[in-house]
Amino acid sequence: MAIFNEMGSLVTQKPISGTGSSFSTETYAEGIYFMSVVYEGKRSTKRFMVIK
């Protein structure tokens, strides 16, 4: 799993295992982010917002 900010810079990256994974956005600045996950050769990217 990789998290990118709206400028395309990598914010964090960590391996995922099993059927679930979590991460904290507590230290992220407000803005738009993208989470990218590759599973069985397929990439899925979702957009999310951090609002404080």
PDB file of N, CA and C in Angstrom:
ATOM      1  N   MET A   1       0.853  -1.161   0.000  1.00  0.00           N
ATOM      2  CA  MET A   1       0.000   0.000   0.000  1.00  0.00           C
ATOM      3  C   MET A   1       0.900   1.226   0.000  1.00  0.00           C
ATOM      4  N   ALA A   2       0.557   2.179  -0.832  1.00  0.00           N
ATOM      5  CA  ALA A   2       1.317   3.425  -0.896  1.00  0.00           C
ATOM      6  C   ALA A   2       0.341   4.590  -0.830  1.00  0.00           C
ATOM      7  N   ILE A   3       0.730   5.630  -0.108  1.00  0.00           N
ATOM      8  CA  ILE A   3      -0.074   6.845   0.008  1.00  0.00           C
ATOM      9  C   ILE A   3       0.711   7.983  -0.629  1.00  0.00           C
ATOM     10  N   PHE A   4       0.043   8.710  -1.541  1.00  0.00           N
ATOM     11  CA  PHE A   4       0.645   9.844  -2.223  1.00  0.00           C
ATOM     12  C   PHE A   4      -0.163  11.094  -1.920  1.00  0.00           C
ATOM     13  N   ASN A   5       0.516  12.243  -1.861  1.00  0.00           N
ATOM     14  CA  ASN A   5      -0.218  13.499  -1.710  1.00  0.00           C
ATOM     15  C   ASN A   5      -0.689  13.974  -3.075  1.00  0.00           C
ATOM     16  N   GLU A   6      -1.387  15.090  -3.120  1.00  0.00           N
ATOM     17  CA  GLU A   6      -1.965  15.565  -4.381  1.00  0.00           C
ATOM     18  C   GLU A   6      -0.910  16.006  -5.393  1.00  0.00           C
ATOM     19  N   MET A   7       0.318  16.206  -4.941  1.00  0.00           N
ATOM     20  CA  MET A   7       1.403  16.566  -5.852  1.00  0.00           C
ATOM     21  C   MET A   7       2.100  15.324  -6.419  1.00  0.00           C
ATOM     22  N   GLY A   8       1.702  14.138  -5.941  1.00  0.00           N
ATOM     23  CA  GLY A   8       2.284  12.889  -6.426  1.00  0.00           C
ATOM     24  C   GLY A   8       3.472  12.399  -5.632  1.00  0.00           C
ATOM     25  N   SER A   9       3.796  13.097  -4.540  1.00  0.00           N
ATOM     26  CA  SER A   9       4.919  12.674  -3.698  1.00  0.00           C
ATOM     27  C   SER A   9       4.488  11.547  -2.771  1.00  0.00           C
ATOM     28  N   LEU A  10       5.347  10.558  -2.620  1.00  0.00           N
ATOM     29  CA  LEU A  10       5.072   9.438  -1.730  1.00  0.00           C
ATOM     30  C   LEU A  10       5.079   9.917  -0.284  1.00  0.00           C
ATOM     31  N   VAL A  11       3.995   9.665   0.438  1.00  0.00           N
ATOM     32  CA  VAL A  11       3.879  10.064   1.840  1.00  0.00           C
ATOM     33  C   VAL A  11       4.278   8.903   2.734  1.00  0.00           C
ATOM     34  N   THR A  12       3.760   7.725   2.445  1.00  0.00           N
ATOM     35  CA  THR A  12       4.100   6.532   3.215  1.00  0.00           C
ATOM     36  C   THR A  12       3.881   5.299   2.365  1.00  0.00           C
ATOM     37  N   GLN A  13       4.599   4.248   2.712  1.00  0.00           N
ATOM     38  CA  GLN A  13       4.449   2.983   2.010  1.00  0.00           C
ATOM     39  C   GLN A  13       4.631   1.865   3.018  1.00  0.00           C
ATOM     40  N   LYS A  14       3.750   0.866   2.966  1.00  0.00           N
ATOM     41  CA  LYS A  14       3.897  -0.262   3.872  1.00  0.00           C
ATOM     42  C   LYS A  14       3.257  -1.491   3.245  1.00  0.00           C
ATOM     43  N   PRO A  15       3.781  -2.653   3.591  1.00  0.00           N
ATOM     44  CA  PRO A  15       3.185  -3.879   3.063  1.00  0.00           C
ATOM     45  C   PRO A  15       1.850  -4.153   3.748  1.00  0.00           C
ATOM     46  N   ILE A  16       0.968  -4.796   3.041  1.00  0.00           N
ATOM     47  CA  ILE A  16      -0.294  -5.216   3.633  1.00  0.00           C
ATOM     48  C   ILE A  16      -0.364  -6.731   3.571  1.00  0.00           C
ATOM     49  N   SER A  17      -1.081  -7.299   4.509  1.00  0.00           N
ATOM     50  CA  SER A  17      -1.224  -8.748   4.530  1.00  0.00           C
ATOM     51  C   SER A  17      -2.631  -9.100   4.972  1.00  0.00           C
ATOM     52  N   GLY A  18      -3.093 -10.256   4.549  1.00  0.00           N
ATOM     53  CA  GLY A  18      -4.434 -10.676   4.925  1.00  0.00           C
ATOM     54  C   GLY A  18      -5.494  -9.883   4.190  1.00  0.00           C
ATOM     55  N   THR A  19      -6.654  -9.790   4.795  1.00  0.00           N
ATOM     56  CA  THR A  19      -7.777  -9.131   4.138  1.00  0.00           C
ATOM     57  C   THR A  19      -8.000  -7.711   4.620  1.00  0.00           C
ATOM     58  N   GLY A  20      -7.212  -7.255   5.585  1.00  0.00           N
ATOM     59  CA  GLY A  20      -7.431  -5.906   6.094  1.00  0.00           C
ATOM     60  C   GLY A  20      -6.138  -5.228   6.470  1.00  0.00           C
ATOM     61  N   SER A  21      -6.173  -3.924   6.432  1.00  0.00           N
ATOM     62  CA  SER A  21      -5.026  -3.124   6.828  1.00  0.00           C
ATOM     63  C   SER A  21      -5.542  -1.759   7.239  1.00  0.00           C
ATOM     64  N   SER A  22      -4.813  -1.098   8.108  1.00  0.00           N
ATOM     65  CA  SER A  22      -5.224   0.236   8.531  1.00  0.00           C
ATOM     66  C   SER A  22      -4.003   1.149   8.587  1.00  0.00           C
ATOM     67  N   PHE A  23      -4.269   2.436   8.578  1.00  0.00           N
ATOM     68  CA  PHE A  23      -3.218   3.433   8.712  1.00  0.00           C
ATOM     69  C   PHE A  23      -3.827   4.676   9.328  1.00  0.00           C
ATOM     70  N   SER A  24      -3.000   5.472   9.951  1.00  0.00           N
ATOM     71  CA  SER A  24      -3.457   6.679  10.612  1.00  0.00           C
ATOM     72  C   SER A  24      -3.121   7.903   9.761  1.00  0.00           C
ATOM     73  N   THR A  25      -4.071   8.812   9.667  1.00  0.00           N
ATOM     74  CA  THR A  25      -3.832  10.074   8.951  1.00  0.00           C
ATOM     75  C   THR A  25      -3.567  11.213   9.932  1.00  0.00           C
ATOM     76  N   GLU A  26      -3.340  10.868  11.184  1.00  0.00           N
ATOM     77  CA  GLU A  26      -3.171  11.867  12.242  1.00  0.00           C
ATOM     78  C   GLU A  26      -2.071  12.879  11.947  1.00  0.00           C
ATOM     79  N   THR A  27      -0.980  12.430  11.325  1.00  0.00           N
ATOM     80  CA  THR A  27       0.144  13.335  11.069  1.00  0.00           C
ATOM     81  C   THR A  27       0.084  13.979   9.691  1.00  0.00           C
ATOM     82  N   TYR A  28      -0.950  13.670   8.892  1.00  0.00           N
ATOM     83  CA  TYR A  28      -1.069  14.220   7.548  1.00  0.00           C
ATOM     84  C   TYR A  28      -1.639  15.640   7.616  1.00  0.00           C
ATOM     85  N   ALA A  29      -1.149  16.502   6.753  1.00  0.00           N
ATOM     86  CA  ALA A  29      -1.722  17.838   6.619  1.00  0.00           C
ATOM     87  C   ALA A  29      -3.062  17.720   5.896  1.00  0.00           C
ATOM     88  N   GLU A  30      -3.909  18.724   6.045  1.00  0.00           N
ATOM     89  CA  GLU A  30      -5.172  18.726   5.308  1.00  0.00           C
ATOM     90  C   GLU A  30      -4.884  18.684   3.820  1.00  0.00           C
ATOM     91  N   GLY A  31      -5.714  17.982   3.095  1.00  0.00           N
ATOM     92  CA  GLY A  31      -5.549  17.932   1.649  1.00  0.00           C
ATOM     93  C   GLY A  31      -6.096  16.657   1.057  1.00  0.00           C
ATOM     94  N   ILE A  32      -5.790  16.462  -0.211  1.00  0.00           N
ATOM     95  CA  ILE A  32      -6.238  15.298  -0.967  1.00  0.00           C
ATOM     96  C   ILE A  32      -5.076  14.317  -1.078  1.00  0.00           C
ATOM     97  N   TYR A  33      -5.374  13.042  -0.877  1.00  0.00           N
ATOM     98  CA  TYR A  33      -4.378  11.983  -0.929  1.00  0.00           C
ATOM     99  C   TYR A  33      -4.909  10.843  -1.784  1.00  0.00           C
ATOM    100  N   PHE A  34      -3.992  10.001  -2.229  1.00  0.00           N
ATOM    101  CA  PHE A  34      -4.342   8.835  -3.026  1.00  0.00           C
ATOM    102  C   PHE A  34      -3.711   7.602  -2.405  1.00  0.00           C
ATOM    103  N   MET A  35      -4.513   6.555  -2.237  1.00  0.00           N
ATOM    104  CA  MET A  35      -4.028   5.284  -1.714  1.00  0.00           C
ATOM    105  C   MET A  35      -3.995   4.295  -2.875  1.00  0.00           C
ATOM    106  N   SER A  36      -2.857   3.687  -3.104  1.00  0.00           N
ATOM    107  CA  SER A  36      -2.690   2.745  -4.195  1.00  0.00           C
ATOM    108  C   SER A  36      -2.332   1.373  -3.624  1.00  0.00           C
ATOM    109  N   VAL A  37      -3.087   0.358  -4.053  1.00  0.00           N
ATOM    110  CA  VAL A  37      -2.869  -1.013  -3.591  1.00  0.00           C
ATOM    111  C   VAL A  37      -2.730  -1.908  -4.810  1.00  0.00           C
ATOM    112  N   VAL A  38      -1.731  -2.781  -4.791  1.00  0.00           N
ATOM    113  CA  VAL A  38      -1.566  -3.765  -5.858  1.00  0.00           C
ATOM    114  C   VAL A  38      -1.864  -5.131  -5.262  1.00  0.00           C
ATOM    115  N   TYR A  39      -2.810  -5.847  -5.878  1.00  0.00           N
ATOM    116  CA  TYR A  39      -3.209  -7.172  -5.409  1.00  0.00           C
ATOM    117  C   TYR A  39      -3.369  -8.085  -6.610  1.00  0.00           C
ATOM    118  N   GLU A  40      -2.657  -9.182  -6.606  1.00  0.00           N
ATOM    119  CA  GLU A  40      -2.677 -10.155  -7.698  1.00  0.00           C
ATOM    120  C   GLU A  40      -2.438  -9.485  -9.048  1.00  0.00           C
ATOM    121  N   GLY A  41      -1.482  -8.568  -9.070  1.00  0.00           N
ATOM    122  CA  GLY A  41      -1.105  -7.902 -10.304  1.00  0.00           C
ATOM    123  C   GLY A  41      -2.027  -6.773 -10.740  1.00  0.00           C
ATOM    124  N   LYS A  42      -3.060  -6.493  -9.972  1.00  0.00           N
ATOM    125  CA  LYS A  42      -3.998  -5.429 -10.322  1.00  0.00           C
ATOM    126  C   LYS A  42      -3.852  -4.271  -9.353  1.00  0.00           C
ATOM    127  N   ARG A  43      -3.800  -3.066  -9.898  1.00  0.00           N
ATOM    128  CA  ARG A  43      -3.649  -1.864  -9.069  1.00  0.00           C
ATOM    129  C   ARG A  43      -5.008  -1.187  -8.892  1.00  0.00           C
ATOM    130  N   SER A  44      -5.274  -0.807  -7.656  1.00  0.00           N
ATOM    131  CA  SER A  44      -6.483  -0.047  -7.339  1.00  0.00           C
ATOM    132  C   SER A  44      -6.052   1.221  -6.629  1.00  0.00           C
ATOM    133  N   THR A  45      -6.554   2.353  -7.084  1.00  0.00           N
ATOM    134  CA  THR A  45      -6.207   3.640  -6.489  1.00  0.00           C
ATOM    135  C   THR A  45      -7.480   4.356  -6.073  1.00  0.00           C
ATOM    136  N   LYS A  46      -7.500   4.815  -4.832  1.00  0.00           N
ATOM    137  CA  LYS A  46      -8.652   5.530  -4.294  1.00  0.00           C
ATOM    138  C   LYS A  46      -8.199   6.880  -3.756  1.00  0.00           C
ATOM    139  N   ARG A  47      -9.059   7.863  -3.924  1.00  0.00           N
ATOM    140  CA  ARG A  47      -8.774   9.213  -3.432  1.00  0.00           C
ATOM    141  C   ARG A  47      -9.468   9.404  -2.097  1.00  0.00           C
ATOM    142  N   PHE A  48      -8.802  10.095  -1.165  1.00  0.00           N
ATOM    143  CA  PHE A  48      -9.434  10.458   0.089  1.00  0.00           C
ATOM    144  C   PHE A  48      -8.950  11.826   0.535  1.00  0.00           C
ATOM    145  N   MET A  49      -9.721  12.452   1.394  1.00  0.00           N
ATOM    146  CA  MET A  49      -9.393  13.789   1.888  1.00  0.00           C
ATOM    147  C   MET A  49      -9.138  13.744   3.388  1.00  0.00           C
ATOM    148  N   VAL A  50      -8.198  14.562   3.827  1.00  0.00           N
ATOM    149  CA  VAL A  50      -7.957  14.756   5.258  1.00  0.00           C
ATOM    150  C   VAL A  50      -8.450  16.159   5.586  1.00  0.00           C
ATOM    151  N   ILE A  51      -9.412  16.220   6.508  1.00  0.00           N
ATOM    152  CA  ILE A  51      -9.970  17.496   6.949  1.00  0.00           C
ATOM    153  C   ILE A  51      -9.847  17.551   8.465  1.00  0.00           C
ATOM    154  N   LYS A  52      -9.253  18.605   8.976  1.00  0.00           N
ATOM    155  CA  LYS A  52      -9.081  18.731  10.434  1.00  0.00           C
ATOM    156  C   LYS A  52      -9.867  19.890  10.959  1.00  0.00           C
TER     157      LYS A  52
END
